[in-house]
Amino acid sequence: MWKDFKKFAFQGNIFDLAVAVVIGSAFGAIVTSFVENIITPLVGILAGGIDFTGLSITVGNAEVLYGNFIQSFVDFLIIAFAIFMAIRVLSKFKKKEEKVVEEVIDKQEQLLTEIRDLLKEQNVK
């Protein structure tokens, strides 16, 4: 059991996942700051400063704060849109980078590559 656990705990995927979680949380802080400090005020200006948190309804002795739910939902939509736009911008940069990295292969190198691939196919059969 210890051997299996050690194999599981120290394989590369666990470390990759740990790095992804740390970077993801840091990115989450950046996105949250971007939304709270830039996007939300701009949306507030465009929407006339609407704040849903004060909306509530009293039923008997209980006060239902449905405005908080609406505000949380609006905040979620803003954050989701901000993340979508950030990923979209990053993917455009990545596509540009991939285009730059592509190399032009001369005919001689292309023929040698085809011959190599044909030889590999013959050896597999």
Protein backbone atom coordinates (compact mmCIF):
# COMPACT_ATOMS: atom_id res chain seq x y z
CA MET A 1 0.00 0.00 0.00
CA TRP A 2 2.82 2.42 0.88
CA LYS A 3 4.50 1.63 -2.43
CA ASP A 4 1.32 2.39 -4.39
CA PHE A 5 0.80 5.62 -2.46
CA LYS A 6 4.39 6.72 -3.10
CA LYS A 7 3.99 5.97 -6.79
CA PHE A 8 0.76 7.98 -6.90
CA ALA A 9 2.00 10.92 -4.84
CA PHE A 10 5.28 11.42 -6.66
CA GLN A 11 4.29 10.92 -10.25
CA GLY A 12 4.45 13.96 -12.53
CA ASN A 13 0.72 14.55 -12.81
CA ILE A 14 0.36 15.41 -9.13
CA PHE A 15 3.06 18.08 -9.34
CA ASP A 16 1.56 19.46 -12.55
CA LEU A 17 -1.81 19.65 -10.83
CA ALA A 18 -0.31 21.42 -7.80
CA VAL A 19 1.37 24.00 -10.03
CA ALA A 20 -1.89 24.50 -11.93
CA VAL A 21 -3.80 25.07 -8.69
CA VAL A 22 -1.30 27.66 -7.47
CA ILE A 23 -1.22 29.48 -10.80
CA GLY A 24 -5.00 29.21 -11.06
CA SER A 25 -5.50 30.80 -7.66
CA ALA A 26 -3.10 33.62 -8.56
CA PHE A 27 -4.92 34.11 -11.86
CA GLY A 28 -8.21 34.07 -9.95
CA ALA A 29 -6.96 36.91 -7.76
CA ILE A 30 -6.01 38.89 -10.87
CA VAL A 31 -9.40 38.30 -12.48
CA THR A 32 -11.24 39.17 -9.26
CA SER A 33 -9.28 42.40 -8.94
CA PHE A 34 -9.90 43.22 -12.59
CA VAL A 35 -13.64 42.62 -12.19
CA GLU A 36 -14.02 44.42 -8.85
CA ASN A 37 -11.84 47.42 -9.67
CA ILE A 38 -12.40 47.94 -13.39
CA ILE A 39 -15.35 46.04 -14.85
CA THR A 40 -17.88 46.38 -12.02
CA PRO A 41 -17.49 50.18 -11.67
CA LEU A 42 -17.81 50.58 -15.44
CA VAL A 43 -20.93 48.41 -15.51
CA GLY A 44 -22.24 50.40 -12.53
CA ILE A 45 -21.75 53.64 -14.46
CA LEU A 46 -23.45 52.22 -17.55
CA ALA A 47 -26.32 50.76 -15.52
CA GLY A 48 -26.82 53.96 -13.52
CA GLY A 49 -25.35 52.61 -10.28
CA ILE A 50 -27.92 49.86 -9.80
CA ASP A 51 -27.29 47.86 -6.64
CA PHE A 52 -29.51 44.84 -6.00
CA THR A 53 -28.27 44.05 -2.48
CA GLY A 54 -30.95 46.18 -0.81
CA LEU A 55 -33.82 44.22 -2.35
CA SER A 56 -35.67 42.06 0.13
CA ILE A 57 -39.12 40.80 0.97
CA THR A 58 -40.50 40.10 4.42
CA VAL A 59 -42.54 36.94 4.87
CA GLY A 60 -43.83 36.69 8.40
CA ASN A 61 -40.82 37.15 10.68
CA ALA A 62 -38.30 36.14 8.00
CA GLU A 63 -36.60 38.57 5.67
CA VAL A 64 -35.70 37.07 2.27
CA LEU A 65 -32.72 38.91 0.81
CA TYR A 66 -33.22 38.01 -2.82
CA GLY A 67 -31.28 41.12 -3.87
CA ASN A 68 -28.05 39.54 -2.60
CA PHE A 69 -28.73 36.54 -4.82
CA ILE A 70 -29.39 38.74 -7.85
CA GLN A 71 -26.21 40.74 -7.16
CA SER A 72 -24.18 37.54 -6.80
CA PHE A 73 -25.60 36.26 -10.07
CA VAL A 74 -24.75 39.52 -11.87
CA ASP A 75 -21.24 39.41 -10.36
CA PHE A 76 -20.86 35.84 -11.61
CA LEU A 77 -21.89 36.84 -15.13
CA ILE A 78 -19.41 39.73 -15.10
CA ILE A 79 -16.58 37.50 -13.84
CA ALA A 80 -17.41 34.75 -16.35
CA PHE A 81 -17.41 37.29 -19.19
CA ALA A 82 -14.11 38.78 -18.01
CA ILE A 83 -12.49 35.33 -17.89
CA PHE A 84 -13.89 34.53 -21.34
CA MET A 85 -12.43 37.74 -22.77
CA ALA A 86 -9.04 37.16 -21.10
CA ILE A 87 -8.83 33.62 -22.47
CA ARG A 88 -9.89 34.84 -25.89
CA VAL A 89 -7.13 37.48 -25.92
CA LEU A 90 -4.54 34.98 -24.69
CA SER A 91 -5.55 32.45 -27.34
CA LYS A 92 -5.13 35.10 -30.07
CA PHE A 93 -1.58 35.76 -28.82
CA LYS A 94 -0.92 32.02 -28.82
CA LYS A 95 -2.18 31.66 -32.41
CA LYS A 96 0.10 34.50 -33.53
CA GLU A 97 3.00 32.83 -31.75
CA GLU A 98 2.27 29.49 -33.44
CA LYS A 99 2.25 31.16 -36.86
CA VAL A 100 5.66 32.70 -36.18
CA VAL A 101 7.12 29.39 -35.01
CA GLU A 102 6.16 27.49 -38.20
CA GLU A 103 9.21 26.89 -40.30
CA VAL A 104 9.38 26.63 -44.05
CA ILE A 105 10.75 23.21 -44.94
CA ASP A 106 12.74 23.04 -48.13
CA LYS A 107 11.95 20.34 -50.70
CA GLN A 108 14.99 18.23 -49.88
CA GLU A 109 14.12 18.06 -46.19
CA GLN A 110 10.48 17.31 -47.03
CA LEU A 111 11.54 14.40 -49.29
CA LEU A 112 13.83 13.02 -46.58
CA THR A 113 10.96 13.22 -44.08
CA GLU A 114 8.65 11.33 -46.45
CA ILE A 115 11.31 8.64 -47.02
CA ARG A 116 11.79 8.29 -43.26
CA ASP A 117 8.05 7.91 -42.73
CA LEU A 118 7.80 5.29 -45.50
CA LEU A 119 10.66 3.31 -43.96
CA LYS A 120 8.94 3.44 -40.57
CA GLU A 121 5.72 2.10 -42.13
CA GLN A 122 7.61 -0.78 -43.78
CA ASN A 123 9.31 -1.73 -40.51
CA VAL A 124 6.00 -1.75 -38.63
CA LYS A 125 4.40 -4.25 -41.05
